[in-house]
Amino acid sequence: MSAPAIRRTFVALALALLATVAFAQGGAGPSHPDAEWEKIRGVVAAQREALVAGDGERAFAIATPALRRQYGSAAAFMRMVRSGYQALVDARYVEFLEGAVIDGSTIQPLRLVMADGAVLVALYTVERQPDGAWRIAGCVIAPSTVKSA
């Protein structure tokens, strides 16, 4: 199976799991207090702002230590963003969706509306660090069934 096919399969499973969890919770809130979700959204917004500004150092600093080790430098991180995550930079409108904790992983979805009206969803995985700060551990971008106006 090709890398894009594996990624699409993962995204489909993640979205299905998010929907299942939301249904099973019967409308109950996610397992973090609202104040923590605000912090999580703040971290995601700060990284996106850094990406849009072309500030690789700031965007890289918001990643988990494991992700920083994986890429090694802000320049390598930005090459990865430009090659597979340019939609985060190019979106004309973004909107946070309700996050969820799935099997211990905290997922914060972000709706991306592109210039051509296409709608994507960025599923951010975030991790709390030993100092209590939230950092971004990964992101998967998938098409959305929602249409823009």
Protein backbone atom coordinates (compact mmCIF):
# COMPACT_ATOMS: atom_id res chain seq x y z
CA MET A 1 0.00 0.00 0.00
CA SER A 2 1.40 3.44 -0.91
CA ALA A 3 2.12 6.10 1.71
CA PRO A 4 -0.81 8.31 0.58
CA ALA A 5 -3.17 5.30 0.74
CA ILE A 6 -1.95 4.44 4.23
CA ARG A 7 -2.43 8.07 5.29
CA ARG A 8 -5.98 8.16 3.86
CA THR A 9 -6.81 4.91 5.66
CA PHE A 10 -5.43 6.26 8.95
CA VAL A 11 -7.39 9.49 8.57
CA ALA A 12 -10.62 7.66 7.78
CA LEU A 13 -10.16 5.47 10.83
CA ALA A 14 -9.32 8.45 13.04
CA LEU A 15 -12.40 10.37 11.87
CA ALA A 16 -14.61 7.31 12.36
CA LEU A 17 -13.17 6.85 15.83
CA LEU A 18 -13.78 10.51 16.68
CA ALA A 19 -17.40 10.17 15.56
CA THR A 20 -17.82 6.94 17.55
CA VAL A 21 -16.37 8.52 20.69
CA ALA A 22 -18.57 11.59 20.33
CA PHE A 23 -21.66 9.38 19.89
CA ALA A 24 -20.70 7.13 22.82
CA GLN A 25 -20.23 10.16 25.07
CA GLY A 26 -23.83 11.12 24.33
CA GLY A 27 -22.89 14.76 24.05
CA ALA A 28 -20.73 14.69 27.19
CA GLY A 29 -17.64 16.89 27.06
CA PRO A 30 -14.15 15.60 26.33
CA SER A 31 -12.04 14.35 29.22
CA HIS A 32 -10.02 17.57 29.66
CA PRO A 33 -11.40 20.63 31.44
CA ASP A 34 -12.36 23.56 29.22
CA ALA A 35 -9.28 25.49 30.39
CA GLU A 36 -7.02 22.72 29.05
CA TRP A 37 -8.80 22.69 25.69
CA GLU A 38 -8.23 26.47 25.52
CA LYS A 39 -4.50 25.90 26.09
CA ILE A 40 -4.45 23.15 23.46
CA ARG A 41 -6.20 25.36 20.91
CA GLY A 42 -3.74 28.15 21.79
CA VAL A 43 -0.77 25.90 21.02
CA VAL A 44 -2.25 24.80 17.68
CA ALA A 45 -3.11 28.40 16.77
CA ALA A 46 0.39 29.59 17.74
CA GLN A 47 2.05 26.99 15.55
CA ARG A 48 -0.20 27.79 12.59
CA GLU A 49 0.50 31.52 13.03
CA ALA A 50 4.24 30.77 13.02
CA LEU A 51 3.89 28.65 9.88
CA VAL A 52 1.91 31.37 8.09
CA ALA A 53 4.56 33.93 9.11
CA GLY A 54 7.33 31.64 7.85
CA ASP A 55 8.83 31.51 11.35
CA GLY A 56 10.23 27.98 11.31
CA GLU A 57 12.06 28.36 14.62
CA ARG A 58 8.89 29.31 16.48
CA ALA A 59 6.81 26.60 14.76
CA PHE A 60 9.49 23.98 15.47
CA ALA A 61 9.69 25.00 19.14
CA ILE A 62 5.98 24.17 19.59
CA ALA A 63 6.55 20.53 18.57
CA THR A 64 7.22 17.79 21.11
CA PRO A 65 10.85 16.90 21.85
CA ALA A 66 10.34 13.61 19.97
CA LEU A 67 9.14 15.42 16.85
CA ARG A 68 12.03 17.89 17.10
CA ARG A 69 14.49 14.98 17.33
CA GLN A 70 12.84 13.35 14.31
CA TYR A 71 13.37 16.42 12.10
CA GLY A 72 16.51 17.73 13.75
CA SER A 73 16.17 21.37 12.71
CA ALA A 74 13.62 24.06 12.02
CA ALA A 75 14.71 24.10 8.36
CA ALA A 76 14.01 20.36 7.96
CA PHE A 77 10.70 20.77 9.79
CA MET A 78 9.66 23.58 7.42
CA ARG A 79 10.61 21.47 4.37
CA MET A 80 8.28 18.77 5.70
CA VAL A 81 5.50 21.35 6.21
CA ARG A 82 5.91 22.76 2.69
CA SER A 83 5.91 19.28 1.13
CA GLY A 84 2.91 17.79 2.92
CA TYR A 85 1.14 20.38 5.08
CA GLN A 86 0.98 23.51 2.93
CA ALA A 87 -2.79 23.57 3.46
CA LEU A 88 -2.13 24.75 7.03
CA VAL A 89 -0.44 27.83 5.59
CA ASP A 90 -2.75 28.38 2.62
CA ALA A 91 -6.15 28.07 4.34
CA ARG A 92 -8.24 31.24 3.97
CA TYR A 93 -10.30 30.36 7.06
CA VAL A 94 -9.77 28.05 10.02
CA GLU A 95 -12.13 26.87 12.74
CA PHE A 96 -11.48 24.69 15.77
CA LEU A 97 -13.75 21.68 16.12
CA GLU A 98 -14.43 19.81 19.34
CA GLY A 99 -11.40 17.84 20.51
CA ALA A 100 -11.41 14.36 21.96
CA VAL A 101 -9.24 11.99 23.93
CA ILE A 102 -8.99 8.66 22.12
CA ASP A 103 -7.14 5.77 23.75
CA GLY A 104 -5.19 8.28 25.81
CA SER A 105 -4.26 10.48 22.83
CA THR A 106 -5.51 14.06 22.77
CA ILE A 107 -6.77 15.02 19.31
CA GLN A 108 -7.63 18.62 18.36
CA PRO A 109 -9.32 18.94 14.95
CA LEU A 110 -9.00 22.14 12.95
CA ARG A 111 -11.24 22.82 9.93
CA LEU A 112 -9.36 24.40 7.01
CA VAL A 113 -11.26 26.19 4.23
CA MET A 114 -9.11 26.67 1.16
CA ALA A 115 -9.25 29.50 -1.39
CA ASP A 116 -11.12 27.25 -3.86
CA GLY A 117 -13.76 26.38 -1.22
CA ALA A 118 -12.39 22.90 -0.51
CA VAL A 119 -12.68 21.93 3.15
CA LEU A 120 -10.05 19.86 4.94
CA VAL A 121 -9.64 18.78 8.54
CA ALA A 122 -6.28 18.83 10.29
CA LEU A 123 -6.20 16.33 13.16
CA TYR A 124 -3.54 17.45 15.61
CA THR A 125 -2.21 15.06 18.22
CA VAL A 126 -0.96 16.99 21.23
CA GLU A 127 0.89 15.80 24.32
CA ARG A 128 1.26 17.31 27.76
CA GLN A 129 4.90 17.72 28.69
CA PRO A 130 6.37 17.10 32.16
CA ASP A 131 6.29 20.87 32.81
CA GLY A 132 2.53 20.88 32.06
CA ALA A 133 2.83 22.60 28.67
CA TRP A 134 1.06 21.17 25.63
CA ARG A 135 3.13 20.47 22.51
CA ILE A 136 2.20 19.20 19.05
CA ALA A 137 3.16 15.57 18.45
CA GLY A 138 1.76 15.20 14.94
CA CYS A 139 -0.87 16.20 12.42
CA VAL A 140 -2.82 14.44 9.69
CA ILE A 141 -4.80 16.36 7.07
CA ALA A 142 -7.87 14.81 5.48
CA PRO A 143 -10.68 15.91 3.19
CA SER A 144 -13.92 16.86 4.91
CA THR A 145 -17.47 16.00 3.95
CA VAL A 146 -18.44 19.59 4.85
CA LYS A 147 -18.74 22.07 1.94
CA SER A 148 -17.89 25.73 2.30
CA ALA A 149 -20.30 28.51 1.43
